N, C-alpha and C. Protein backbone atom coordinates (compact mmCIF):
# COMPACT_ATOMS: atom_id res chain seq x y z
N MET A 1 37.36 -15.50 16.13
CA MET A 1 36.65 -14.78 15.06
C MET A 1 35.70 -13.70 15.67
N THR A 2 35.82 -12.49 15.22
CA THR A 2 34.98 -11.41 15.74
C THR A 2 33.66 -11.37 15.00
N ASP A 3 32.64 -10.88 15.68
CA ASP A 3 31.33 -10.73 15.03
C ASP A 3 31.40 -9.57 14.04
N LYS A 4 30.69 -9.73 12.96
CA LYS A 4 30.56 -8.61 11.96
C LYS A 4 29.59 -7.57 12.48
N ILE A 5 29.84 -6.35 12.05
CA ILE A 5 28.91 -5.24 12.37
C ILE A 5 27.74 -5.44 11.43
N LYS A 6 26.53 -5.28 11.98
CA LYS A 6 25.31 -5.38 11.15
C LYS A 6 24.82 -4.06 10.74
N ILE A 7 24.63 -3.87 9.41
CA ILE A 7 24.23 -2.59 8.87
C ILE A 7 22.98 -2.76 8.06
N ALA A 8 22.01 -1.79 8.21
CA ALA A 8 20.80 -1.81 7.45
C ALA A 8 20.68 -0.47 6.71
N THR A 9 20.02 -0.45 5.60
CA THR A 9 19.81 0.82 4.87
C THR A 9 18.35 0.96 4.47
N ALA A 10 17.94 2.25 4.26
CA ALA A 10 16.60 2.45 3.80
C ALA A 10 16.59 3.78 3.00
N SER A 11 15.66 3.82 2.06
CA SER A 11 15.46 5.08 1.28
C SER A 11 14.05 5.55 1.57
N LEU A 12 13.93 6.82 1.96
CA LEU A 12 12.63 7.36 2.22
C LEU A 12 12.25 8.26 1.00
N ALA A 13 11.91 9.54 1.18
CA ALA A 13 11.56 10.39 0.04
C ALA A 13 12.87 10.96 -0.54
N GLY A 14 13.29 10.38 -1.55
CA GLY A 14 14.53 10.80 -2.23
C GLY A 14 14.64 10.11 -3.58
N CYS A 15 15.87 10.14 -4.15
CA CYS A 15 16.05 9.67 -5.51
C CYS A 15 16.84 8.35 -5.54
N PHE A 16 17.30 7.82 -4.39
CA PHE A 16 18.06 6.61 -4.34
C PHE A 16 19.53 6.84 -4.70
N GLY A 17 19.91 8.08 -4.84
CA GLY A 17 21.29 8.44 -5.23
C GLY A 17 22.31 8.06 -4.20
N CYS A 18 21.93 8.13 -2.91
CA CYS A 18 22.84 7.81 -1.85
C CYS A 18 23.17 6.28 -1.85
N HIS A 19 22.16 5.48 -2.14
CA HIS A 19 22.36 4.07 -2.30
C HIS A 19 23.34 3.81 -3.51
N MET A 20 23.19 4.57 -4.54
CA MET A 20 24.07 4.42 -5.67
C MET A 20 25.51 4.77 -5.25
N SER A 21 25.67 5.76 -4.43
CA SER A 21 27.00 6.10 -3.93
C SER A 21 27.57 5.00 -3.08
N LEU A 22 26.72 4.32 -2.35
CA LEU A 22 27.21 3.14 -1.57
C LEU A 22 27.78 2.09 -2.56
N LEU A 23 27.15 1.94 -3.66
CA LEU A 23 27.67 1.01 -4.67
C LEU A 23 28.95 1.55 -5.34
N ASP A 24 29.14 2.87 -5.34
CA ASP A 24 30.33 3.50 -5.88
C ASP A 24 31.58 3.25 -5.02
N ILE A 25 31.40 2.56 -3.90
CA ILE A 25 32.56 2.12 -3.14
C ILE A 25 33.37 1.12 -4.01
N ASP A 26 32.70 0.56 -4.99
CA ASP A 26 33.34 -0.36 -5.98
C ASP A 26 33.95 -1.56 -5.29
N GLU A 27 35.20 -1.86 -5.62
CA GLU A 27 35.80 -3.08 -5.15
C GLU A 27 36.06 -3.09 -3.62
N ARG A 28 35.98 -1.87 -3.00
CA ARG A 28 36.09 -1.80 -1.57
C ARG A 28 34.93 -2.40 -0.88
N LEU A 29 33.81 -2.66 -1.58
CA LEU A 29 32.67 -3.37 -1.00
C LEU A 29 33.10 -4.72 -0.54
N ILE A 30 34.02 -5.40 -1.26
CA ILE A 30 34.52 -6.70 -0.90
C ILE A 30 35.28 -6.60 0.45
N GLU A 31 36.10 -5.57 0.60
CA GLU A 31 36.82 -5.31 1.86
C GLU A 31 35.78 -5.03 2.99
N LEU A 32 34.74 -4.26 2.65
CA LEU A 32 33.76 -3.92 3.67
C LEU A 32 32.95 -5.18 4.09
N VAL A 33 32.57 -6.01 3.20
CA VAL A 33 31.81 -7.20 3.50
C VAL A 33 32.58 -8.18 4.39
N ALA A 34 33.85 -8.07 4.37
CA ALA A 34 34.65 -8.89 5.35
C ALA A 34 34.39 -8.47 6.80
N HIS A 35 33.88 -7.24 6.99
CA HIS A 35 33.70 -6.70 8.36
C HIS A 35 32.26 -6.47 8.71
N VAL A 36 31.37 -6.43 7.71
CA VAL A 36 29.96 -6.09 7.99
C VAL A 36 29.05 -7.15 7.41
N GLU A 37 27.87 -7.13 7.90
CA GLU A 37 26.77 -8.00 7.37
C GLU A 37 25.59 -7.04 7.10
N PHE A 38 25.07 -7.09 5.90
CA PHE A 38 23.98 -6.23 5.58
C PHE A 38 22.66 -6.92 5.96
N ASP A 39 21.82 -6.18 6.69
CA ASP A 39 20.47 -6.62 7.08
C ASP A 39 19.54 -6.04 5.98
N ARG A 40 18.51 -5.34 6.37
CA ARG A 40 17.57 -4.79 5.38
C ARG A 40 18.34 -3.81 4.49
N SER A 41 18.23 -4.08 3.25
CA SER A 41 18.98 -3.24 2.23
C SER A 41 18.57 -3.69 0.85
N PRO A 42 18.64 -2.82 -0.15
CA PRO A 42 18.46 -3.29 -1.47
C PRO A 42 19.54 -4.28 -1.94
N LEU A 43 20.61 -4.31 -1.26
CA LEU A 43 21.68 -5.29 -1.57
C LEU A 43 21.31 -6.69 -1.15
N THR A 44 20.40 -6.80 -0.17
CA THR A 44 20.01 -8.15 0.34
C THR A 44 18.54 -8.43 0.04
N ASP A 45 17.75 -7.44 -0.25
CA ASP A 45 16.28 -7.59 -0.47
C ASP A 45 15.56 -8.09 0.76
N ILE A 46 16.18 -7.90 2.00
CA ILE A 46 15.45 -8.20 3.22
C ILE A 46 14.51 -7.04 3.51
N LYS A 47 13.24 -7.32 3.76
CA LYS A 47 12.21 -6.34 3.91
C LYS A 47 12.08 -5.78 5.33
N GLU A 48 12.23 -6.68 6.31
CA GLU A 48 12.04 -6.31 7.71
C GLU A 48 13.38 -6.09 8.36
N ILE A 49 13.51 -5.12 9.18
CA ILE A 49 14.80 -4.85 9.86
C ILE A 49 14.92 -5.64 11.14
N GLY A 50 16.04 -6.28 11.41
CA GLY A 50 16.38 -6.87 12.63
C GLY A 50 17.19 -5.88 13.48
N HIS A 51 17.70 -6.32 14.61
CA HIS A 51 18.54 -5.45 15.38
C HIS A 51 19.86 -5.27 14.66
N CYS A 52 20.29 -4.02 14.51
CA CYS A 52 21.46 -3.64 13.74
C CYS A 52 22.35 -2.69 14.54
N ASP A 53 23.60 -2.71 14.20
CA ASP A 53 24.57 -1.74 14.83
C ASP A 53 24.46 -0.38 14.14
N VAL A 54 24.27 -0.37 12.81
CA VAL A 54 24.26 0.94 12.12
C VAL A 54 23.13 0.91 11.09
N GLY A 55 22.35 2.01 11.14
CA GLY A 55 21.32 2.23 10.10
C GLY A 55 21.66 3.43 9.27
N LEU A 56 21.66 3.28 7.96
CA LEU A 56 21.96 4.31 7.02
C LEU A 56 20.65 4.65 6.33
N ILE A 57 20.20 5.91 6.54
CA ILE A 57 18.91 6.34 6.01
C ILE A 57 19.12 7.48 5.02
N GLU A 58 18.58 7.34 3.81
CA GLU A 58 18.59 8.41 2.86
C GLU A 58 17.19 8.89 2.61
N GLY A 59 17.01 10.10 2.26
CA GLY A 59 15.64 10.65 1.91
C GLY A 59 15.00 11.31 3.06
N GLY A 60 14.13 12.24 2.73
CA GLY A 60 13.34 12.92 3.76
C GLY A 60 12.11 12.19 4.15
N VAL A 61 11.29 12.75 5.03
CA VAL A 61 10.12 12.10 5.57
C VAL A 61 8.96 12.82 4.99
N CYS A 62 8.15 12.16 4.08
CA CYS A 62 7.07 12.90 3.41
C CYS A 62 5.67 12.20 3.61
N ASN A 63 5.68 11.00 4.14
CA ASN A 63 4.41 10.29 4.32
C ASN A 63 4.42 9.40 5.52
N SER A 64 3.28 8.83 5.86
CA SER A 64 3.12 7.96 7.05
C SER A 64 4.03 6.77 7.01
N GLU A 65 4.24 6.18 5.84
CA GLU A 65 5.13 4.98 5.73
C GLU A 65 6.53 5.42 6.03
N ASN A 66 7.01 6.54 5.60
CA ASN A 66 8.33 6.99 5.90
C ASN A 66 8.52 7.13 7.43
N VAL A 67 7.52 7.66 8.12
CA VAL A 67 7.59 7.76 9.58
C VAL A 67 7.77 6.44 10.23
N GLU A 68 6.94 5.47 9.80
CA GLU A 68 7.00 4.09 10.35
C GLU A 68 8.34 3.44 10.14
N VAL A 69 8.86 3.55 8.92
CA VAL A 69 10.16 2.91 8.60
C VAL A 69 11.26 3.59 9.44
N LEU A 70 11.23 4.89 9.51
CA LEU A 70 12.27 5.64 10.20
C LEU A 70 12.23 5.30 11.69
N LYS A 71 11.03 5.26 12.32
CA LYS A 71 10.94 4.91 13.77
C LYS A 71 11.41 3.51 14.01
N ALA A 72 11.10 2.58 13.13
CA ALA A 72 11.59 1.20 13.28
C ALA A 72 13.11 1.12 13.21
N PHE A 73 13.67 1.91 12.27
CA PHE A 73 15.12 1.92 12.17
C PHE A 73 15.75 2.41 13.47
N ARG A 74 15.21 3.56 13.94
CA ARG A 74 15.71 4.15 15.16
C ARG A 74 15.65 3.16 16.29
N GLN A 75 14.61 2.48 16.42
CA GLN A 75 14.38 1.49 17.51
C GLN A 75 15.31 0.33 17.40
N GLN A 76 15.61 -0.11 16.14
CA GLN A 76 16.38 -1.30 15.89
C GLN A 76 17.87 -1.07 15.73
N CYS A 77 18.31 0.16 15.57
CA CYS A 77 19.74 0.49 15.30
C CYS A 77 20.40 1.19 16.42
N ASN A 78 21.58 0.74 16.78
CA ASN A 78 22.39 1.42 17.79
C ASN A 78 22.77 2.82 17.36
N LEU A 79 23.19 2.98 16.11
CA LEU A 79 23.57 4.22 15.53
C LEU A 79 22.74 4.52 14.29
N LEU A 80 22.24 5.70 14.18
CA LEU A 80 21.47 6.03 12.97
C LEU A 80 22.21 7.18 12.22
N VAL A 81 22.35 7.02 10.92
CA VAL A 81 23.09 7.98 10.08
C VAL A 81 22.20 8.54 9.04
N ALA A 82 22.10 9.89 9.02
CA ALA A 82 21.37 10.62 7.95
C ALA A 82 22.35 10.74 6.83
N VAL A 83 21.98 10.13 5.66
CA VAL A 83 22.90 10.10 4.51
C VAL A 83 22.30 11.01 3.40
N GLY A 84 23.02 12.09 3.12
CA GLY A 84 22.59 12.92 2.01
C GLY A 84 21.68 14.15 2.38
N ALA A 85 21.56 15.06 1.42
CA ALA A 85 20.82 16.29 1.64
C ALA A 85 19.35 16.05 2.04
N CYS A 86 18.72 15.10 1.42
CA CYS A 86 17.28 14.87 1.69
C CYS A 86 17.06 14.44 3.14
N ALA A 87 17.91 13.50 3.63
CA ALA A 87 17.82 13.09 5.01
C ALA A 87 18.15 14.19 5.97
N ILE A 88 19.14 14.99 5.64
CA ILE A 88 19.62 16.05 6.52
C ILE A 88 18.72 17.29 6.56
N ASN A 89 18.23 17.75 5.40
CA ASN A 89 17.45 18.96 5.38
C ASN A 89 16.18 18.89 4.57
N GLY A 90 15.85 17.69 4.08
CA GLY A 90 14.62 17.54 3.25
C GLY A 90 14.94 17.55 1.74
N GLY A 91 16.04 18.11 1.34
CA GLY A 91 16.48 18.13 -0.05
C GLY A 91 15.44 18.61 -1.05
N ILE A 92 15.57 18.09 -2.21
CA ILE A 92 14.61 18.48 -3.34
C ILE A 92 13.15 18.19 -2.93
N PRO A 93 12.84 17.07 -2.32
CA PRO A 93 11.42 16.83 -1.96
C PRO A 93 10.81 17.94 -1.12
N ALA A 94 11.64 18.56 -0.28
CA ALA A 94 11.15 19.58 0.62
C ALA A 94 10.76 20.88 -0.10
N MET A 95 11.09 20.95 -1.38
CA MET A 95 10.72 22.12 -2.18
C MET A 95 9.20 22.32 -2.17
N ARG A 96 8.48 21.25 -1.99
CA ARG A 96 7.02 21.35 -1.92
C ARG A 96 6.50 22.09 -0.63
N ASN A 97 7.45 22.22 0.37
CA ASN A 97 7.05 22.88 1.59
C ASN A 97 6.68 24.32 1.45
N HIS A 98 6.99 24.90 0.29
CA HIS A 98 6.64 26.29 0.00
C HIS A 98 5.13 26.44 -0.41
N TYR A 99 4.46 25.28 -0.53
CA TYR A 99 3.06 25.28 -0.98
C TYR A 99 2.27 24.38 -0.01
N SER A 100 0.96 24.61 0.03
CA SER A 100 0.18 23.72 0.83
C SER A 100 0.06 22.30 0.17
N LEU A 101 -0.26 21.36 0.96
CA LEU A 101 -0.40 19.99 0.39
C LEU A 101 -1.61 19.99 -0.59
N THR A 102 -2.61 20.75 -0.35
CA THR A 102 -3.74 20.80 -1.28
C THR A 102 -3.29 21.41 -2.66
N GLU A 103 -2.46 22.47 -2.51
CA GLU A 103 -1.98 23.10 -3.79
C GLU A 103 -1.15 22.08 -4.60
N CYS A 104 -0.28 21.29 -3.91
CA CYS A 104 0.56 20.31 -4.60
C CYS A 104 -0.26 19.22 -5.23
N LEU A 105 -1.27 18.72 -4.51
CA LEU A 105 -2.07 17.69 -5.02
C LEU A 105 -2.92 18.17 -6.23
N ASP A 106 -3.50 19.38 -6.07
CA ASP A 106 -4.25 19.95 -7.19
C ASP A 106 -3.38 20.09 -8.44
N GLU A 107 -2.19 20.60 -8.29
CA GLU A 107 -1.32 20.76 -9.44
C GLU A 107 -0.94 19.43 -10.04
N ALA A 108 -0.72 18.44 -9.25
CA ALA A 108 -0.29 17.16 -9.76
C ALA A 108 -1.42 16.35 -10.38
N TYR A 109 -2.61 16.44 -9.80
CA TYR A 109 -3.66 15.53 -10.22
C TYR A 109 -4.86 16.20 -10.85
N ARG A 110 -5.09 17.50 -10.67
CA ARG A 110 -6.33 18.05 -11.16
C ARG A 110 -6.09 19.11 -12.24
N ASN A 111 -5.16 20.03 -12.01
CA ASN A 111 -4.94 21.14 -12.96
C ASN A 111 -4.19 20.69 -14.23
N GLY A 112 -4.70 21.18 -15.35
CA GLY A 112 -3.97 20.92 -16.60
C GLY A 112 -3.99 19.52 -17.12
N THR A 113 -4.81 18.70 -16.59
CA THR A 113 -4.90 17.29 -17.07
C THR A 113 -5.94 17.16 -18.12
N ASN A 114 -5.78 16.25 -19.01
CA ASN A 114 -6.80 15.96 -20.06
C ASN A 114 -7.73 14.89 -19.66
N ILE A 115 -7.66 14.41 -18.48
CA ILE A 115 -8.53 13.35 -17.97
C ILE A 115 -9.91 13.97 -17.72
N GLU A 116 -10.96 13.27 -18.13
CA GLU A 116 -12.30 13.83 -18.00
C GLU A 116 -12.73 14.11 -16.64
N GLN A 117 -12.43 13.24 -15.64
CA GLN A 117 -12.76 13.49 -14.29
C GLN A 117 -11.53 13.28 -13.40
N PRO A 118 -10.61 14.33 -13.45
CA PRO A 118 -9.38 14.13 -12.62
C PRO A 118 -9.67 14.10 -11.13
N GLN A 119 -8.91 13.29 -10.45
CA GLN A 119 -9.07 13.12 -9.02
C GLN A 119 -7.76 12.76 -8.34
N ILE A 120 -7.70 13.09 -7.06
CA ILE A 120 -6.53 12.78 -6.29
C ILE A 120 -6.67 11.33 -5.82
N PRO A 121 -5.62 10.51 -6.03
CA PRO A 121 -5.71 9.10 -5.64
C PRO A 121 -6.06 9.01 -4.16
N SER A 122 -6.92 8.04 -3.84
CA SER A 122 -7.33 7.87 -2.45
C SER A 122 -7.38 6.40 -2.08
N ASP A 123 -6.60 5.60 -2.68
CA ASP A 123 -6.55 4.18 -2.32
C ASP A 123 -5.99 3.94 -0.92
N PRO A 124 -6.65 3.13 -0.15
CA PRO A 124 -6.17 2.95 1.24
C PRO A 124 -4.80 2.35 1.36
N GLU A 125 -4.32 1.76 0.24
CA GLU A 125 -2.97 1.22 0.26
C GLU A 125 -1.90 2.23 0.14
N LEU A 126 -2.25 3.43 -0.30
CA LEU A 126 -1.24 4.51 -0.43
C LEU A 126 -1.03 5.18 0.95
N PRO A 127 0.24 5.37 1.30
CA PRO A 127 0.55 6.04 2.55
C PRO A 127 0.04 7.52 2.55
N LEU A 128 -0.41 7.99 3.68
CA LEU A 128 -0.88 9.34 3.76
C LEU A 128 0.26 10.32 3.70
N LEU A 129 0.11 11.39 2.90
CA LEU A 129 1.17 12.40 2.79
C LEU A 129 1.12 13.28 4.01
N LEU A 130 2.27 13.66 4.50
CA LEU A 130 2.37 14.65 5.53
C LEU A 130 2.25 16.05 4.96
N ASP A 131 1.90 17.04 5.76
CA ASP A 131 1.72 18.37 5.27
C ASP A 131 3.01 18.95 4.71
N GLN A 132 4.16 18.51 5.28
CA GLN A 132 5.41 18.97 4.81
C GLN A 132 6.40 17.79 4.75
N VAL A 133 7.46 17.99 4.04
CA VAL A 133 8.56 17.01 4.04
C VAL A 133 9.56 17.42 5.17
N HIS A 134 9.99 16.46 5.96
CA HIS A 134 10.83 16.78 7.07
C HIS A 134 12.20 16.09 6.92
N PRO A 135 13.26 16.68 7.47
CA PRO A 135 14.50 15.95 7.67
C PRO A 135 14.30 14.88 8.70
N ILE A 136 15.12 13.83 8.69
CA ILE A 136 14.86 12.74 9.56
C ILE A 136 15.05 13.12 11.07
N HIS A 137 15.91 14.11 11.31
CA HIS A 137 16.11 14.53 12.72
C HIS A 137 14.93 15.23 13.32
N ASP A 138 13.93 15.63 12.51
CA ASP A 138 12.72 16.17 13.05
C ASP A 138 11.84 15.05 13.65
N VAL A 139 12.13 13.80 13.31
CA VAL A 139 11.27 12.72 13.72
C VAL A 139 11.98 11.80 14.78
N VAL A 140 13.27 11.60 14.60
CA VAL A 140 14.03 10.69 15.52
C VAL A 140 15.40 11.31 15.74
N TRP A 141 16.11 10.77 16.77
CA TRP A 141 17.47 11.15 17.09
C TRP A 141 18.39 10.54 16.03
N VAL A 142 19.29 11.41 15.54
CA VAL A 142 20.30 10.99 14.53
C VAL A 142 21.69 11.12 15.16
N ASP A 143 22.49 10.11 14.98
CA ASP A 143 23.84 10.09 15.55
C ASP A 143 24.90 10.72 14.66
N TYR A 144 24.82 10.59 13.34
CA TYR A 144 25.78 11.03 12.42
C TYR A 144 25.09 11.61 11.18
N PHE A 145 25.71 12.62 10.52
CA PHE A 145 25.18 13.19 9.30
C PHE A 145 26.27 13.13 8.22
N LEU A 146 25.94 12.57 7.11
CA LEU A 146 26.86 12.54 5.95
C LEU A 146 26.29 13.43 4.90
N PRO A 147 26.89 14.67 4.69
CA PRO A 147 26.31 15.58 3.71
C PRO A 147 26.66 15.21 2.27
N GLY A 148 25.88 15.84 1.40
CA GLY A 148 26.11 15.65 -0.04
C GLY A 148 24.84 15.31 -0.76
N CYS A 149 24.86 15.48 -2.04
CA CYS A 149 23.64 15.18 -2.81
C CYS A 149 24.15 14.51 -4.14
N PRO A 150 24.46 13.21 -4.01
CA PRO A 150 24.65 12.46 -2.80
C PRO A 150 26.09 12.56 -2.22
N PRO A 151 26.33 12.04 -1.01
CA PRO A 151 27.74 11.95 -0.61
C PRO A 151 28.47 11.01 -1.55
N SER A 152 29.73 11.19 -1.74
CA SER A 152 30.48 10.32 -2.68
C SER A 152 30.70 8.99 -2.04
N GLY A 153 30.98 8.01 -2.91
CA GLY A 153 31.31 6.70 -2.44
C GLY A 153 32.50 6.76 -1.51
N ASP A 154 33.52 7.64 -1.79
CA ASP A 154 34.64 7.82 -0.89
C ASP A 154 34.29 8.28 0.46
N THR A 155 33.29 9.26 0.54
CA THR A 155 32.85 9.75 1.80
C THR A 155 32.16 8.61 2.61
N ILE A 156 31.30 7.85 1.96
CA ILE A 156 30.66 6.81 2.68
C ILE A 156 31.61 5.72 3.16
N PHE A 157 32.58 5.42 2.30
CA PHE A 157 33.60 4.40 2.69
C PHE A 157 34.45 4.92 3.85
N THR A 158 34.89 6.18 3.78
CA THR A 158 35.69 6.75 4.88
C THR A 158 34.91 6.70 6.18
N PHE A 159 33.62 7.05 6.14
CA PHE A 159 32.80 7.03 7.34
C PHE A 159 32.75 5.67 7.93
N LEU A 160 32.42 4.64 7.08
CA LEU A 160 32.27 3.24 7.54
C LEU A 160 33.55 2.69 8.01
N ASP A 161 34.66 2.97 7.25
CA ASP A 161 35.98 2.46 7.63
C ASP A 161 36.48 2.98 8.99
N GLU A 162 36.26 4.30 9.17
CA GLU A 162 36.71 4.87 10.47
C GLU A 162 35.81 4.45 11.60
N LEU A 163 34.56 4.34 11.34
CA LEU A 163 33.62 3.87 12.41
C LEU A 163 33.95 2.44 12.80
N LEU A 164 34.18 1.56 11.86
CA LEU A 164 34.53 0.18 12.14
C LEU A 164 35.86 0.03 12.84
N SER A 165 36.77 0.93 12.53
CA SER A 165 38.11 0.82 13.12
C SER A 165 38.19 1.58 14.47
N GLY A 166 37.08 2.25 14.89
CA GLY A 166 37.11 2.98 16.15
C GLY A 166 37.85 4.28 16.15
N LYS A 167 38.21 4.75 14.95
CA LYS A 167 38.90 6.02 14.79
C LYS A 167 37.90 7.18 14.81
N PRO A 168 38.37 8.36 15.21
CA PRO A 168 37.53 9.56 15.06
C PRO A 168 37.20 9.70 13.56
N ILE A 169 35.96 10.06 13.31
CA ILE A 169 35.58 10.17 11.86
C ILE A 169 35.93 11.51 11.39
N GLN A 170 36.82 11.60 10.39
CA GLN A 170 37.32 12.78 9.81
C GLN A 170 37.30 12.65 8.27
N PHE A 171 36.90 13.69 7.66
CA PHE A 171 36.82 13.67 6.20
C PHE A 171 37.80 14.71 5.63
N ALA A 172 38.39 14.38 4.44
CA ALA A 172 39.15 15.32 3.69
C ALA A 172 38.20 16.43 3.27
N TYR A 173 38.69 17.63 3.13
CA TYR A 173 37.89 18.80 2.77
C TYR A 173 36.99 18.52 1.54
N LYS A 174 37.64 17.91 0.54
CA LYS A 174 36.87 17.66 -0.75
C LYS A 174 35.76 16.65 -0.59
N GLN A 175 35.80 15.86 0.51
CA GLN A 175 34.77 14.83 0.69
C GLN A 175 33.46 15.41 1.15
N ILE A 176 33.50 16.55 1.88
CA ILE A 176 32.29 17.12 2.47
C ILE A 176 32.00 18.57 2.12
N HIS A 177 32.80 19.16 1.26
CA HIS A 177 32.59 20.53 0.82
C HIS A 177 32.46 20.52 -0.70
N TYR A 178 31.54 21.24 -1.17
CA TYR A 178 31.23 21.27 -2.62
C TYR A 178 31.43 22.65 -3.17
N ASP A 179 32.69 23.12 -3.24
CA ASP A 179 33.00 24.45 -3.72
C ASP A 179 33.07 24.49 -5.24
């Protein structure tokens, strides 16, 4: 009996659409589970990551907690995969990079509100925001990139299937181009 490949997933600053695409593998998840074991993932509800063969990360890096999670994944995973536009280039969350953090916070919490004394949240439990949203490769080394917003379930399955079988990873044109 061969050991299963251990996979972990995480979502940083994004919409969770890439995890939804993972679920869009549909019945092929059963085939996949015969060959993999999920570690930290919404599928398992495991909060801490153990040593894994593959880490799938969606979302950009926008706060101190994202940096910690991402560095832990890089340290614990043999291969790290940037999944989707947010992980690869910051995606929609990086649209705030055109403005200063102060301008963003003022617009969100102070300007145009009907609250008598509007203020920016400052609870110590909240992670500190970074000045800009970064793609994950700005923070750690990334081994593979899966483009899309989000990548399709077929693209994710093709990647995992070919990785597990040791084949060169190749995608059909329609899986990674959005004409």
